[in-house]
N, C-alpha and C. Protein backbone atom coordinates (compact mmCIF):
# COMPACT_ATOMS: atom_id res chain seq x y z
N UNK A 1 116.56 110.99 126.74
CA UNK A 1 115.97 109.86 125.78
C UNK A 1 116.33 110.77 124.06
N UNK A 2 117.10 111.87 123.95
CA UNK A 2 117.20 112.56 122.88
C UNK A 2 117.35 111.76 121.70
N UNK A 3 118.85 110.88 122.26
CA UNK A 3 118.94 109.98 121.17
C UNK A 3 118.03 108.82 120.74
N UNK A 4 116.72 108.59 121.37
CA UNK A 4 116.14 107.59 120.88
C UNK A 4 115.13 108.27 119.88
N UNK A 5 115.17 109.75 119.58
CA UNK A 5 114.07 110.17 118.89
C UNK A 5 112.35 109.93 119.03
N UNK A 6 112.03 110.18 120.22
CA UNK A 6 110.92 109.59 120.29
C UNK A 6 109.62 110.71 119.92
N UNK A 7 110.13 111.95 119.32
CA UNK A 7 109.56 112.67 118.56
C UNK A 7 108.83 111.80 117.25
N UNK A 8 109.19 110.83 116.99
CA UNK A 8 108.75 109.80 116.03
C UNK A 8 107.99 109.20 115.96
N UNK A 9 107.73 108.99 117.29
CA UNK A 9 107.09 107.70 118.04
C UNK A 9 105.51 108.03 118.86
N UNK A 10 105.76 109.49 119.10
CA UNK A 10 103.98 109.79 119.88
C UNK A 10 104.14 109.28 121.27
N UNK A 11 105.29 108.72 121.60
CA UNK A 11 105.27 108.40 123.30
C UNK A 11 105.51 109.88 124.08
N UNK A 12 104.85 109.89 124.93
CA UNK A 12 104.82 110.91 125.97
C UNK A 12 106.14 110.90 126.89
N UNK A 13 107.06 112.41 127.04
CA UNK A 13 107.70 112.41 128.15
C UNK A 13 107.52 113.91 128.69
N UNK A 14 108.34 113.61 129.60
CA UNK A 14 108.10 114.73 130.83
C UNK A 14 108.97 115.85 130.24
N UNK A 15 109.11 116.96 130.63
CA UNK A 15 109.70 118.17 130.03
C UNK A 15 111.08 117.83 129.77
N UNK A 16 112.08 117.23 130.95
CA UNK A 16 113.36 116.78 130.85
C UNK A 16 113.47 115.80 130.04
N UNK A 17 112.77 115.23 129.52
CA UNK A 17 112.76 114.04 128.27
C UNK A 17 112.55 112.72 129.11
N UNK A 18 112.55 112.45 130.48
CA UNK A 18 111.90 111.19 130.89
C UNK A 18 110.50 110.59 130.36
N UNK A 19 110.69 109.27 129.79
CA UNK A 19 109.63 108.92 129.39
C UNK A 19 108.35 108.27 130.53
N UNK A 20 107.23 109.09 130.05
CA UNK A 20 105.99 108.84 131.18
C UNK A 20 105.67 107.32 131.09
N UNK A 21 105.57 106.51 132.39
CA UNK A 21 105.22 105.34 132.09
C UNK A 21 104.15 105.40 133.56
N UNK A 22 103.40 103.88 133.46
CA UNK A 22 102.36 103.92 134.57
C UNK A 22 102.97 102.82 135.40
N UNK A 23 102.25 102.41 136.30
CA UNK A 23 102.17 101.16 137.40
C UNK A 23 102.73 100.09 136.46
N UNK A 24 102.42 99.92 135.33
CA UNK A 24 102.67 98.35 134.59
C UNK A 24 103.83 98.89 133.15
N UNK A 25 104.54 100.16 133.65
CA UNK A 25 105.38 100.31 132.96
C UNK A 25 105.38 100.43 131.47
N UNK A 26 103.78 100.81 131.04
CA UNK A 26 103.33 100.89 129.93
C UNK A 26 103.58 102.37 129.60
N UNK A 27 104.03 102.66 128.24
CA UNK A 27 104.03 104.30 127.61
C UNK A 27 102.61 104.75 127.15
N UNK A 28 102.74 105.93 126.69
CA UNK A 28 101.36 106.53 126.06
C UNK A 28 100.98 105.72 124.77
N UNK A 29 102.09 105.07 124.57
CA UNK A 29 101.84 103.98 123.29
C UNK A 29 101.74 102.66 123.17
N UNK A 30 100.43 102.09 123.00
CA UNK A 30 100.02 100.82 123.41
C UNK A 30 101.08 99.44 123.03
N UNK A 31 101.55 98.86 123.95
CA UNK A 31 102.30 97.80 123.52
C UNK A 31 103.78 98.16 123.47
N UNK A 32 104.19 99.64 124.05
CA UNK A 32 105.22 99.99 124.10
C UNK A 32 105.99 100.25 125.80
N UNK A 33 106.98 99.38 126.33
CA UNK A 33 107.18 99.74 127.75
C UNK A 33 108.57 100.40 128.04
N UNK A 34 108.53 100.73 129.00
CA UNK A 34 110.01 102.01 129.23
C UNK A 34 110.43 101.09 130.75
N UNK A 35 111.79 101.38 130.86
CA UNK A 35 112.36 100.62 132.33
C UNK A 35 113.61 101.57 132.29
N UNK A 36 114.00 101.05 133.50
CA UNK A 36 115.10 101.86 133.77
C UNK A 36 115.36 103.25 134.09
N UNK A 37 116.42 103.87 133.57
CA UNK A 37 116.92 105.32 133.55
C UNK A 37 116.09 106.30 133.03
N UNK A 38 115.48 105.65 131.84
CA UNK A 38 114.57 106.34 130.73
C UNK A 38 113.31 106.94 131.33
N UNK A 39 113.11 106.13 132.43
CA UNK A 39 111.25 106.65 132.76
C UNK A 39 111.47 107.60 133.95
N UNK A 40 112.70 108.10 134.21
CA UNK A 40 112.60 108.93 135.14
C UNK A 40 112.67 108.71 136.54
N UNK A 41 112.47 107.71 137.41
CA UNK A 41 112.53 107.43 138.49
C UNK A 41 113.71 107.26 138.96
N UNK A 42 114.36 107.11 140.19
CA UNK A 42 115.58 107.01 140.89
C UNK A 42 116.19 106.02 140.09
N UNK A 43 117.71 106.39 139.69
CA UNK A 43 118.35 106.05 138.75
C UNK A 43 119.08 104.39 139.60
N UNK A 44 118.53 103.55 139.47
CA UNK A 44 119.16 102.43 140.49
C UNK A 44 118.91 101.14 139.68
N UNK A 45 120.27 100.38 139.39
CA UNK A 45 120.10 99.25 139.13
C UNK A 45 119.18 98.39 139.26
N UNK A 46 118.84 98.10 140.57
CA UNK A 46 118.01 97.12 141.07
C UNK A 46 116.28 97.62 140.97
N UNK A 47 116.37 98.59 140.55
CA UNK A 47 114.94 99.22 140.05
C UNK A 47 114.88 99.01 138.85
N UNK A 48 115.84 98.78 138.02
CA UNK A 48 115.60 98.59 136.75
C UNK A 48 115.28 96.89 136.73
N UNK A 49 116.42 96.26 137.32
CA UNK A 49 115.80 94.49 137.42
C UNK A 49 114.36 94.47 137.78
N UNK A 50 113.82 95.12 139.01
CA UNK A 50 112.59 95.22 139.49
C UNK A 50 111.65 95.49 138.34
N UNK A 51 111.56 96.15 137.24
CA UNK A 51 110.76 96.65 136.67
C UNK A 51 110.71 95.64 135.39
N UNK A 52 112.12 95.12 134.79
CA UNK A 52 112.25 94.29 134.13
C UNK A 52 111.45 92.73 134.78
N UNK A 53 111.27 92.67 135.43
CA UNK A 53 111.09 91.31 136.05
C UNK A 53 109.37 91.20 135.82
N UNK A 54 108.87 92.70 136.50
CA UNK A 54 107.51 92.74 136.24
C UNK A 54 107.12 92.76 135.09
N UNK A 55 107.67 93.40 134.16
CA UNK A 55 107.15 93.26 132.71
C UNK A 55 107.39 91.57 132.08
N UNK A 56 108.27 91.39 132.31
CA UNK A 56 108.68 90.02 131.93
C UNK A 56 107.37 88.61 132.61
N UNK A 57 106.71 89.17 133.65
CA UNK A 57 105.75 88.39 134.49
C UNK A 57 104.62 88.61 133.45
N UNK A 58 104.28 89.81 133.75
CA UNK A 58 103.06 90.04 132.61
C UNK A 58 102.81 89.92 131.29
N UNK A 59 103.80 89.39 130.70
CA UNK A 59 103.76 89.52 129.20
C UNK A 59 104.13 87.69 129.01
N UNK A 60 104.99 87.27 129.60
CA UNK A 60 105.26 85.95 129.25
C UNK A 60 104.92 84.62 130.60
N UNK A 61 104.74 85.18 131.81
CA UNK A 61 104.75 84.17 132.54
C UNK A 61 103.18 83.91 133.39
N UNK A 62 102.33 84.85 133.20
CA UNK A 62 100.98 84.82 133.49
C UNK A 62 100.04 85.13 132.54
N UNK A 63 98.83 84.27 132.10
CA UNK A 63 97.84 84.43 131.40
C UNK A 63 96.78 84.90 132.19
N UNK A 64 96.86 85.21 133.66
CA UNK A 64 95.41 85.39 134.60
C UNK A 64 95.71 86.87 135.02
N UNK A 65 94.89 87.73 134.57
CA UNK A 65 95.18 89.46 135.12
C UNK A 65 95.29 89.14 136.54
N UNK A 66 94.09 88.53 137.40
CA UNK A 66 94.31 88.71 138.70
C UNK A 66 95.68 88.39 139.06
N UNK A 67 96.41 87.81 138.46
CA UNK A 67 98.03 87.58 138.90
C UNK A 67 98.95 88.62 138.33
N UNK A 68 98.56 89.71 137.78
CA UNK A 68 99.44 90.59 137.18
C UNK A 68 100.24 91.33 138.30
N UNK A 69 101.36 92.12 138.06
CA UNK A 69 102.19 92.72 138.54
C UNK A 69 102.27 94.13 138.37
N UNK A 70 102.45 95.02 139.37
CA UNK A 70 102.62 96.07 139.23
C UNK A 70 103.88 96.74 139.86
N UNK A 71 104.10 97.99 139.42
CA UNK A 71 105.43 98.69 140.39
C UNK A 71 105.02 99.60 141.39
N UNK A 72 105.42 99.44 142.65
CA UNK A 72 105.79 100.39 143.75
C UNK A 72 107.19 100.92 143.97
N UNK A 73 106.91 102.11 144.26
CA UNK A 73 108.35 102.83 144.57
C UNK A 73 108.46 103.50 145.91
N UNK A 74 107.41 103.11 146.67
CA UNK A 74 107.64 103.25 148.32
C UNK A 74 108.49 102.62 149.19
N UNK A 75 108.77 101.49 148.58
CA UNK A 75 109.66 100.42 149.12
C UNK A 75 110.98 100.27 148.43
N UNK A 76 111.11 101.37 147.91
CA UNK A 76 112.87 101.17 146.94
C UNK A 76 114.14 101.55 147.78
N UNK A 77 114.74 100.75 148.14
CA UNK A 77 115.88 100.73 149.03
C UNK A 77 116.75 101.33 148.27
N UNK A 78 117.73 102.36 148.82
CA UNK A 78 118.55 103.17 148.71
C UNK A 78 119.99 102.97 149.19
N UNK A 79 121.17 102.70 148.66
CA UNK A 79 122.24 102.81 149.29
C UNK A 79 123.43 103.74 148.70
N UNK A 80 124.27 104.27 149.75
CA UNK A 80 125.18 105.00 149.41
C UNK A 80 126.85 104.50 149.55
N UNK A 81 127.42 103.91 149.01
CA UNK A 81 128.59 103.16 149.01
C UNK A 81 129.94 104.13 149.52
N UNK A 82 129.53 104.87 150.84
CA UNK A 82 130.26 105.61 151.19
C UNK A 82 131.22 105.03 152.25
N UNK A 83 132.09 105.81 153.15
CA UNK A 83 132.29 105.25 154.29
C UNK A 83 132.04 106.43 155.46
N UNK A 84 130.94 106.15 156.39
CA UNK A 84 130.35 104.60 156.14
C UNK A 84 129.26 104.67 155.39
N UNK A 85 129.06 103.27 155.26
CA UNK A 85 127.94 102.96 154.27
C UNK A 85 126.62 103.47 154.79
N UNK A 86 125.50 103.84 153.75
CA UNK A 86 124.31 104.51 154.29
C UNK A 86 123.02 103.80 153.45
N UNK A 87 122.26 103.31 154.29
CA UNK A 87 121.18 102.34 154.04
C UNK A 87 120.08 102.69 154.12
N UNK A 88 119.09 103.07 153.17
CA UNK A 88 117.80 103.91 153.88
C UNK A 88 116.25 103.21 152.70
N UNK A 89 115.36 103.12 153.52
CA UNK A 89 114.07 103.00 152.43
C UNK A 89 113.18 103.73 153.22
N UNK A 90 111.97 104.10 152.31
CA UNK A 90 110.96 104.71 153.09
C UNK A 90 110.77 105.86 153.47
N UNK A 91 110.29 106.33 154.35
CA UNK A 91 109.98 108.03 154.80
C UNK A 91 111.02 108.09 155.94
N UNK A 92 111.60 109.40 155.86
CA UNK A 92 112.33 109.87 157.08
C UNK A 92 111.43 110.03 157.79
N UNK A 93 112.11 110.66 159.18
CA UNK A 93 111.05 110.92 160.40
C UNK A 93 110.40 112.48 159.90
N UNK A 94 111.35 112.95 159.20
CA UNK A 94 110.72 114.55 158.95
C UNK A 94 109.48 114.35 157.71
N UNK A 95 110.04 113.24 156.76
CA UNK A 95 108.67 113.40 155.74
C UNK A 95 107.65 112.79 156.41
N UNK A 96 107.97 111.65 157.10
CA UNK A 96 106.73 110.80 157.55
C UNK A 96 105.59 112.32 158.63
N UNK A 97 106.64 113.22 159.51
CA UNK A 97 105.31 113.89 160.00
C UNK A 97 104.79 115.03 159.16
N UNK A 98 105.78 115.14 158.00
CA UNK A 98 105.02 115.96 157.12
C UNK A 98 103.98 115.42 156.37
N UNK A 99 103.44 114.22 156.23
CA UNK A 99 102.53 113.34 155.36
C UNK A 99 101.69 113.37 156.51
N UNK A 100 101.93 113.75 157.75
CA UNK A 100 100.54 113.88 158.81
C UNK A 100 100.74 111.98 159.54
N UNK A 101 101.20 111.43 159.72
CA UNK A 101 101.45 110.72 160.32
C UNK A 101 101.98 110.94 161.94
N UNK A 102 101.42 110.21 162.78
CA UNK A 102 101.64 110.08 164.07
C UNK A 102 102.76 109.45 164.32
N UNK A 103 103.75 110.10 164.43
CA UNK A 103 105.38 109.22 164.19
C UNK A 103 106.00 109.10 165.57
N UNK A 104 106.07 107.85 165.50
CA UNK A 104 107.50 107.31 166.50
C UNK A 104 108.45 106.85 165.80
N UNK A 105 109.68 106.90 167.02
CA UNK A 105 111.08 106.70 166.34
C UNK A 105 111.64 105.62 167.14
N UNK A 106 112.66 104.69 166.88
CA UNK A 106 113.44 103.99 167.59
C UNK A 106 115.07 104.20 167.42
N UNK A 107 116.11 104.21 167.83
CA UNK A 107 117.31 104.21 167.60
C UNK A 107 118.31 103.55 168.02
N UNK A 108 119.12 102.76 167.56
CA UNK A 108 120.01 101.98 168.50
C UNK A 108 121.25 101.98 167.66
N UNK A 109 122.26 101.63 168.32
CA UNK A 109 123.85 101.70 167.86
C UNK A 109 124.28 100.58 167.99
N UNK A 110 125.44 100.21 167.16
CA UNK A 110 125.95 99.23 166.83
C UNK A 110 126.62 98.89 168.21
N UNK A 111 127.19 99.71 169.07
CA UNK A 111 128.11 99.68 169.73
C UNK A 111 127.41 98.85 171.18
N UNK A 112 126.07 98.92 170.76
CA UNK A 112 125.15 98.19 172.04
C UNK A 112 124.75 97.27 171.98
N UNK A 113 125.46 96.06 170.82
CA UNK A 113 125.17 94.86 170.52
C UNK A 113 126.59 94.13 170.93
N UNK A 114 126.44 92.75 170.98
CA UNK A 114 127.50 91.95 171.42
C UNK A 114 128.47 91.93 170.14
N UNK A 115 127.82 92.08 168.83
CA UNK A 115 128.62 92.05 167.70
C UNK A 115 129.35 93.01 167.47
N UNK A 116 129.02 94.38 167.84
CA UNK A 116 129.48 95.41 167.67
C UNK A 116 130.65 95.85 168.68
N UNK A 117 130.41 94.91 169.71
CA UNK A 117 131.86 95.47 170.88
C UNK A 117 132.78 94.24 170.31
N UNK A 118 132.46 93.12 169.67
CA UNK A 118 133.62 92.18 169.24
C UNK A 118 134.09 92.85 167.87
N UNK A 119 133.49 93.59 167.35
CA UNK A 119 134.04 94.36 166.39
C UNK A 119 134.96 95.86 166.52
N UNK A 120 135.09 95.42 167.98
CA UNK A 120 135.77 96.75 168.33
C UNK A 120 135.42 98.35 168.44
N UNK A 121 133.97 98.19 168.55
CA UNK A 121 133.37 99.45 168.40
C UNK A 121 132.60 99.86 169.97
N UNK A 122 132.99 101.21 170.22
CA UNK A 122 132.80 101.44 171.83
C UNK A 122 131.86 102.72 171.34
N UNK A 123 130.85 102.67 172.44
CA UNK A 123 130.15 104.02 172.22
C UNK A 123 131.12 105.12 172.16
N UNK A 124 130.32 106.13 171.37
CA UNK A 124 130.99 107.65 170.94
C UNK A 124 131.95 107.30 169.96
N UNK A 125 132.75 106.00 169.53
CA UNK A 125 133.66 106.20 168.57
C UNK A 125 132.85 106.52 167.04
N UNK A 126 133.90 107.04 166.43
CA UNK A 126 133.45 107.70 165.07
C UNK A 126 132.77 106.70 164.26
N UNK A 127 133.20 105.39 164.26
CA UNK A 127 132.88 104.28 163.51
C UNK A 127 131.47 103.59 164.02
N UNK A 128 131.14 104.14 165.13
CA UNK A 128 129.82 103.41 165.49
C UNK A 128 128.53 103.89 164.69
N UNK A 129 128.29 102.85 164.48
CA UNK A 129 126.94 103.09 163.50
C UNK A 129 125.51 102.94 164.10
N UNK A 130 124.38 103.30 163.44
CA UNK A 130 123.28 103.07 164.29
C UNK A 130 122.33 102.99 163.09
N UNK A 131 121.19 102.53 163.38
CA UNK A 131 119.85 102.44 163.04
C UNK A 131 118.87 102.79 163.67
N UNK A 132 117.97 103.46 162.60
CA UNK A 132 116.67 104.54 163.11
C UNK A 132 115.66 104.24 162.29
N UNK A 133 114.38 103.77 163.10
CA UNK A 133 113.31 103.03 162.50
C UNK A 133 112.19 104.02 162.74
N UNK A 134 111.14 104.51 162.03
CA UNK A 134 110.13 105.39 161.71
C UNK A 134 109.10 104.56 161.77
N UNK A 135 107.83 104.65 162.59
CA UNK A 135 106.69 103.95 162.85
C UNK A 135 105.45 104.87 162.85
N UNK A 136 104.37 104.55 162.16
CA UNK A 136 103.28 104.99 162.85
C UNK A 136 102.92 104.36 163.99
N UNK A 137 102.46 105.53 164.92
CA UNK A 137 102.07 104.88 166.23
C UNK A 137 100.73 104.73 166.43
N UNK A 138 99.98 105.14 165.12
CA UNK A 138 98.43 104.50 165.27
C UNK A 138 98.24 103.10 164.69
N UNK A 139 99.51 102.68 164.02
CA UNK A 139 98.94 101.47 163.10
C UNK A 139 100.13 100.18 163.71
N UNK A 140 101.33 101.04 164.27
CA UNK A 140 102.82 100.21 164.22
C UNK A 140 103.24 99.65 162.72
N UNK A 141 102.75 100.31 162.00
CA UNK A 141 103.42 99.63 160.85
C UNK A 141 104.68 100.91 160.26
N UNK A 142 105.56 99.92 159.50
CA UNK A 142 107.04 100.72 159.52
C UNK A 142 106.71 101.35 158.27
N UNK A 143 107.42 102.90 158.53
CA UNK A 143 107.12 103.88 157.67
C UNK A 143 108.77 103.71 157.15
N UNK A 144 109.60 103.54 157.86
CA UNK A 144 111.19 103.99 157.10
C UNK A 144 112.09 103.22 157.82
N UNK A 145 113.09 102.76 157.59
CA UNK A 145 113.93 102.37 158.40
C UNK A 145 115.91 103.20 157.61
N UNK A 146 116.51 103.23 158.15
CA UNK A 146 117.80 104.17 157.88
C UNK A 146 118.83 103.69 158.69
N UNK A 147 120.06 103.41 157.92
CA UNK A 147 121.24 102.72 158.95
C UNK A 147 122.31 103.42 158.32
N UNK A 148 123.44 103.68 159.14
CA UNK A 148 124.58 104.37 158.85
C UNK A 148 125.74 103.62 159.41
N UNK A 149 126.60 103.07 158.79
CA UNK A 149 127.67 101.92 159.62
C UNK A 149 127.97 100.91 158.38
N UNK A 150 129.03 100.19 159.23
CA UNK A 150 129.53 99.17 158.28
C UNK A 150 128.08 98.26 157.89
N UNK A 151 128.30 97.58 156.71
CA UNK A 151 127.31 96.58 156.02
C UNK A 151 126.23 97.24 156.23
N UNK A 152 125.77 98.67 155.90
CA UNK A 152 124.33 99.17 156.22
C UNK A 152 123.42 98.42 154.87
N UNK A 153 124.06 98.47 153.75
CA UNK A 153 123.34 97.60 152.81
C UNK A 153 122.84 96.36 152.71
N UNK A 154 123.29 95.51 153.93
CA UNK A 154 122.76 94.23 154.26
C UNK A 154 121.95 94.48 155.36
N UNK A 155 122.09 95.01 156.47
CA UNK A 155 121.41 95.20 157.71
C UNK A 155 120.03 95.80 157.36
N UNK A 156 119.55 96.79 156.33
CA UNK A 156 118.20 96.93 156.58
C UNK A 156 117.04 96.15 155.37
N UNK A 157 117.80 95.33 154.95
CA UNK A 157 116.83 94.36 153.96
C UNK A 157 115.88 93.56 154.86
N UNK A 158 115.86 93.11 155.95
CA UNK A 158 114.91 92.72 156.69
C UNK A 158 113.62 93.37 156.29
N UNK A 159 113.99 94.69 156.89
CA UNK A 159 112.99 95.69 157.00
C UNK A 159 111.94 95.98 155.47
N UNK A 160 112.57 95.78 154.60
CA UNK A 160 112.70 96.07 153.10
C UNK A 160 111.33 95.42 152.76
N UNK A 161 111.73 93.80 153.04
CA UNK A 161 111.04 92.60 152.94
C UNK A 161 109.56 93.13 153.64
N UNK A 162 109.91 93.30 155.28
CA UNK A 162 108.47 93.57 155.74
C UNK A 162 107.67 94.49 155.05
N UNK A 163 107.94 95.83 154.76
CA UNK A 163 107.35 96.83 154.22
C UNK A 163 106.68 96.38 152.75
N UNK A 164 107.60 95.42 152.37
CA UNK A 164 106.83 95.15 150.86
C UNK A 164 105.68 93.98 151.04
N UNK A 165 105.53 93.71 151.97
CA UNK A 165 104.69 92.57 152.23
C UNK A 165 103.24 92.91 152.85
N UNK A 166 102.30 91.85 152.88
CA UNK A 166 100.68 92.17 153.01
C UNK A 166 100.09 92.36 151.79
N UNK A 167 99.03 92.81 152.14
CA UNK A 167 98.20 93.08 151.15
C UNK A 167 98.25 94.12 150.61
N UNK A 168 98.53 94.31 149.00
CA UNK A 168 98.82 95.63 148.66
C UNK A 168 98.31 95.76 147.20
N UNK A 169 97.10 96.75 147.38
CA UNK A 169 96.45 97.42 146.50
C UNK A 169 96.89 97.91 145.38
N UNK A 170 96.35 97.64 144.07
CA UNK A 170 96.62 98.41 142.63
C UNK A 170 96.74 99.92 143.15
N UNK A 171 97.80 100.35 142.70
CA UNK A 171 97.91 102.41 142.74
C UNK A 171 98.05 102.50 141.65
N UNK A 172 97.21 103.75 141.19
CA UNK A 172 97.75 104.18 139.72
C UNK A 172 98.79 105.16 140.04
N UNK A 173 99.78 105.22 138.52
CA UNK A 173 100.89 105.97 138.60
C UNK A 173 100.73 106.65 137.31
N UNK A 174 100.65 107.96 137.02
CA UNK A 174 100.24 108.73 136.02
C UNK A 174 98.83 107.98 135.36
N UNK A 175 98.04 108.17 135.75
CA UNK A 175 96.61 107.76 135.69
C UNK A 175 96.22 107.74 134.07
N UNK A 176 96.67 109.10 133.53
CA UNK A 176 96.34 109.05 131.92
C UNK A 176 96.89 108.17 131.24
N UNK A 177 97.86 107.25 131.33
CA UNK A 177 98.31 106.47 130.62
C UNK A 177 98.02 104.86 131.08
N UNK A 178 96.97 104.76 130.29
CA UNK A 178 96.42 103.29 130.47
C UNK A 178 95.73 102.77 129.18
N UNK A 179 96.27 101.40 128.89
CA UNK A 179 95.74 100.62 127.84
C UNK A 179 94.42 100.38 128.38
N UNK A 180 93.78 99.48 127.37
CA UNK A 180 92.33 99.17 127.87
C UNK A 180 92.14 98.09 129.07
N UNK A 181 93.40 96.79 128.82
CA UNK A 181 93.46 96.10 129.90
C UNK A 181 94.01 96.91 131.31
N UNK A 182 94.88 97.74 131.05
CA UNK A 182 95.02 98.76 132.45
C UNK A 182 93.62 99.19 132.99
N UNK A 183 93.23 100.08 132.28
CA UNK A 183 91.75 100.67 132.50
C UNK A 183 90.59 99.55 133.54
N UNK A 184 90.88 98.31 132.79
CA UNK A 184 90.04 97.37 133.37
C UNK A 184 90.20 96.73 134.55
N UNK A 185 92.06 96.50 134.93
CA UNK A 185 92.70 96.04 136.23
C UNK A 185 92.31 97.39 137.30
N UNK A 186 92.30 98.62 136.96
CA UNK A 186 92.30 99.58 137.44
C UNK A 186 90.69 99.62 138.31
N UNK A 187 89.94 99.41 137.45
CA UNK A 187 88.15 99.36 137.89
C UNK A 187 88.11 98.76 138.63
N UNK A 188 88.88 97.18 138.39
CA UNK A 188 88.56 96.05 139.30
C UNK A 188 89.14 96.22 140.47
N UNK A 189 89.96 96.83 140.76
CA UNK A 189 90.56 97.15 142.43
C UNK A 189 91.20 96.09 142.71
N UNK A 190 92.24 95.33 141.99
CA UNK A 190 92.83 94.06 142.25
C UNK A 190 93.68 94.15 143.25
N UNK A 191 94.03 93.39 144.20
CA UNK A 191 95.11 93.37 145.11
C UNK A 191 96.30 92.30 145.14
N UNK A 192 97.26 92.40 145.84
CA UNK A 192 98.08 91.54 145.57
C UNK A 192 98.83 91.10 147.26
N UNK A 193 98.50 89.94 147.52
CA UNK A 193 98.66 89.04 148.64
C UNK A 193 100.20 88.87 148.96
N UNK A 194 100.89 89.50 149.44
CA UNK A 194 102.41 89.40 149.54
C UNK A 194 102.72 88.83 151.17
N UNK A 195 102.66 87.30 150.75
CA UNK A 195 102.94 86.39 152.01
C UNK A 195 104.49 86.84 152.40
N UNK A 196 104.60 87.23 154.02
CA UNK A 196 105.53 87.33 154.52
C UNK A 196 106.58 86.08 154.09
N UNK A 197 105.99 84.79 154.47
CA UNK A 197 106.63 83.67 154.82
C UNK A 197 107.01 83.13 153.44
N UNK A 198 106.84 83.92 151.91
CA UNK A 198 106.65 82.86 150.67
C UNK A 198 108.15 83.53 150.16
N UNK A 199 108.52 82.17 149.26
CA UNK A 199 109.52 82.79 148.60
C UNK A 199 109.12 83.97 147.24
N UNK A 200 108.16 83.93 146.97
CA UNK A 200 107.60 84.58 145.71
C UNK A 200 107.60 85.86 146.33
N UNK A 201 107.26 86.32 147.83
CA UNK A 201 107.40 87.79 148.05
C UNK A 201 108.89 88.14 148.21
N UNK A 202 109.87 87.24 148.47
CA UNK A 202 111.33 87.66 148.34
C UNK A 202 111.92 88.21 147.06
N UNK A 203 111.25 87.22 146.23
CA UNK A 203 111.61 87.35 144.62
C UNK A 203 110.89 88.45 144.12
N UNK A 204 109.69 89.17 144.56
CA UNK A 204 109.37 90.35 144.24
C UNK A 204 109.29 91.82 145.09
N UNK A 205 110.82 91.41 145.79
CA UNK A 205 111.01 92.73 146.59
C UNK A 205 112.34 93.04 146.57
N UNK A 206 112.48 94.43 145.95
CA UNK A 206 113.82 94.86 145.71
C UNK A 206 114.89 94.96 146.71
N UNK A 207 115.88 94.67 146.45
CA UNK A 207 117.36 94.61 147.12
C UNK A 207 118.35 95.33 146.53
N UNK A 208 119.36 95.97 147.38
CA UNK A 208 120.11 97.25 146.53
C UNK A 208 121.36 96.20 145.96
N UNK A 209 121.47 96.99 144.90
CA UNK A 209 122.63 96.32 143.96
C UNK A 209 123.81 97.43 143.94
N UNK A 210 125.13 96.88 143.91
CA UNK A 210 125.46 95.43 144.28
C UNK A 210 125.77 95.50 146.05
N UNK A 211 125.22 94.58 146.19
CA UNK A 211 125.33 94.11 147.87
C UNK A 211 125.42 92.71 148.07
N UNK A 212 126.41 92.38 149.15
CA UNK A 212 125.95 90.78 149.35
C UNK A 212 124.61 90.34 149.91
N UNK A 213 123.88 91.16 150.24
CA UNK A 213 122.11 90.97 150.71
C UNK A 213 121.65 90.23 149.14
N UNK A 214 122.41 90.61 147.87
CA UNK A 214 121.91 89.76 146.91
C UNK A 214 122.18 88.03 146.83
N UNK A 215 123.21 88.04 147.50
CA UNK A 215 123.12 86.14 147.80
C UNK A 215 121.72 85.50 148.45
N UNK A 216 121.50 86.06 149.23
CA UNK A 216 120.33 85.67 150.12
C UNK A 216 119.04 85.82 149.01
N UNK A 217 118.70 87.34 148.48
CA UNK A 217 117.22 87.61 148.01
C UNK A 217 117.54 86.68 146.73
N UNK A 218 118.26 86.74 146.02
CA UNK A 218 118.40 85.75 144.79
C UNK A 218 118.39 84.29 144.67
N UNK A 219 118.17 84.01 145.84
CA UNK A 219 118.29 82.46 146.31
C UNK A 219 117.23 81.56 145.52
N UNK A 220 115.99 82.58 145.86
CA UNK A 220 114.74 82.04 145.50
C UNK A 220 114.76 81.73 143.91
N UNK A 221 115.18 82.60 143.14
CA UNK A 221 115.44 82.14 141.90
C UNK A 221 115.84 80.77 141.38
N UNK A 222 116.82 80.42 141.95
CA UNK A 222 117.25 79.39 141.95
C UNK A 222 116.28 77.75 142.26
N UNK A 223 115.53 78.40 143.24
CA UNK A 223 114.39 77.70 143.58
C UNK A 223 113.28 77.64 142.93
N UNK A 224 113.38 78.73 142.13
CA UNK A 224 112.24 78.54 141.20
C UNK A 224 112.50 78.07 139.82
N UNK A 225 113.81 77.87 139.39
CA UNK A 225 114.50 77.17 138.50
C UNK A 225 115.04 78.51 137.38
N UNK A 226 114.59 79.82 137.85
CA UNK A 226 114.43 80.78 137.01
C UNK A 226 115.81 81.13 136.24
N UNK A 227 116.71 80.34 136.73
CA UNK A 227 118.20 80.94 136.22
C UNK A 227 118.82 79.88 135.97
């Protein structure tokens, strides 16, 4: 961010220059927001899109504070477009154990399905992909999903949607950054009910870019006549 000359603005940054933001993408200067690569979160295009949508929603599309949106990064899909593709969201098994969860895992291979067989994938083949799910055994909540194989960027999206659904409490990010409105909303302890059946939930869930899953995930925007 050195070319932005933030020293002239009073906007706080991290030691390496990233702009500090909170869950509403506010900076330390009231009325100034930061999104995308400049705020130091993982540098994915879909994350920047997600943040832009939150800012636009809160500034222009709602006047009801109870309907405000905020960012969460625990359900951030990540894809490496290598051969084979790698898709991941949430915690790995090792991370979940370290976090103190009672961890259970499940693993399934492409070759164990009819479609995998139709693709000519046999058990033990070098291109036999797999899916691994990490679960909290005490609650059966999904903690992470990880895919290696063809079309991994598409296959794990249903789990991203599920992990982003349900009742989501407002969780502060960089608590010291807070406008008066943010202080008020944090004090209220507002929550957002993400109905898994709702197109609104689909629209507020990240999907990896660029991938064909965007064809499905973005269709709700045409229903809402946003594009």
